[in-house]
Protein backbone atom coordinates (compact mmCIF):
# COMPACT_ATOMS: atom_id res chain seq x y z
CA UNK A 1 -5.91 50.43 -74.18
CA UNK A 2 -4.71 51.48 -77.77
CA UNK A 3 -2.27 49.81 -80.09
CA UNK A 4 -1.25 53.17 -81.68
CA UNK A 5 -3.10 52.32 -84.84
CA UNK A 6 -3.62 55.32 -87.20
CA UNK A 7 -6.85 55.68 -89.11
CA UNK A 8 -6.06 56.25 -92.84
CA UNK A 9 -7.66 58.46 -95.39
CA UNK A 10 -9.30 55.88 -97.85
CA UNK A 11 -11.78 55.98 -100.48
CA UNK A 12 -14.41 53.37 -101.74
CA UNK A 13 -15.57 53.46 -105.10
CA UNK A 14 -18.29 51.08 -106.20
CA UNK A 15 -20.95 50.48 -108.84
CA UNK A 16 -22.64 48.08 -106.60
CA UNK A 17 -26.22 48.74 -105.21
CA UNK A 18 -25.31 46.98 -101.99
CA UNK A 19 -24.40 49.35 -99.04
CA UNK A 20 -20.62 49.04 -98.60
CA UNK A 21 -18.43 50.63 -96.27
CA UNK A 22 -14.67 50.33 -95.78
CA UNK A 23 -11.90 51.48 -93.49
CA UNK A 24 -8.14 51.17 -93.36
CA UNK A 25 -5.70 51.42 -90.38
CA UNK A 26 -1.89 51.11 -90.01
CA UNK A 27 0.29 50.29 -86.93
CA UNK A 28 3.81 49.33 -85.79
CA UNK A 29 3.86 45.97 -83.87
CA UNK A 30 5.73 46.08 -80.52
CA UNK A 31 6.22 42.51 -80.95
CA UNK A 32 8.33 42.25 -84.23
CA UNK A 33 8.45 46.05 -85.01
CA UNK A 34 7.07 45.62 -88.40
CA UNK A 35 4.43 47.98 -89.91
CA UNK A 36 1.04 46.57 -90.70
CA UNK A 37 -2.00 47.56 -92.72
CA UNK A 38 -5.62 46.39 -92.11
CA UNK A 39 -8.35 46.95 -94.54
CA UNK A 40 -11.92 46.18 -93.39
CA UNK A 41 -14.84 45.97 -95.84
CA UNK A 42 -18.42 45.48 -94.83
CA UNK A 43 -21.08 44.51 -97.39
CA UNK A 44 -24.53 45.16 -95.77
CA UNK A 45 -26.26 43.87 -98.92
CA UNK A 46 -27.46 40.09 -99.48
CA UNK A 47 -25.28 39.70 -102.80
CA UNK A 48 -21.44 39.18 -103.04
CA UNK A 49 -19.50 42.01 -104.44
CA UNK A 50 -16.12 41.69 -106.22
CA UNK A 51 -13.42 44.13 -104.89
CA UNK A 52 -10.29 45.43 -106.35
CA UNK A 53 -8.05 46.88 -103.73
CA UNK A 54 -5.39 49.52 -104.79
CA UNK A 55 -2.88 50.88 -102.26
CA UNK A 56 -0.69 53.87 -102.91
CA UNK A 57 1.92 55.77 -100.87
CA UNK A 58 3.50 52.90 -99.11
CA UNK A 59 7.49 52.47 -99.27
CA UNK A 60 7.02 48.76 -99.37
CA UNK A 61 4.71 46.00 -98.67
CA UNK A 62 4.83 42.26 -98.23
CA UNK A 63 2.31 40.36 -100.21
CA UNK A 64 1.27 38.26 -97.14
CA UNK A 65 -2.20 38.69 -96.17
CA UNK A 66 -5.29 36.99 -95.04
CA UNK A 67 -9.07 37.25 -95.68
CA UNK A 68 -11.79 36.66 -93.11
CA UNK A 69 -15.47 36.22 -94.11
CA UNK A 70 -18.15 36.72 -91.55
CA UNK A 71 -21.67 36.19 -92.56
CA UNK A 72 -25.02 36.66 -90.85
CA UNK A 73 -28.80 36.73 -91.78
CA UNK A 74 -29.05 40.03 -89.69
CA UNK A 75 -26.82 42.46 -91.64
CA UNK A 76 -26.45 44.96 -88.67
CA UNK A 77 -25.50 42.20 -86.09
CA UNK A 78 -22.23 42.72 -84.39
CA UNK A 79 -20.06 39.69 -84.47
CA UNK A 80 -17.65 39.06 -81.65
CA UNK A 81 -14.81 36.53 -82.06
CA UNK A 82 -13.08 35.01 -79.01
CA UNK A 83 -9.98 33.70 -81.19
CA UNK A 84 -8.59 37.02 -82.35
CA UNK A 85 -4.90 37.23 -83.26
CA UNK A 86 -3.05 40.45 -82.06
């Protein structure tokens, strides 16, 4: 089942020696008819990395957001959450 999300073109620029990957998706909610943007960044390294996220090309954006930090001693472990908001 798909929520109709669109994978966006994104570029990650970093000077960190930690292996880092990122992705961005957008979708329109059928519940409130609003457009949403989700950015995911995964740091496979053992050190914290400061990030600056710049977004261009949007007509408007609310400054409401959240951050979720998941940690593991096993960098390649897939983490499942049973309390996901949709």
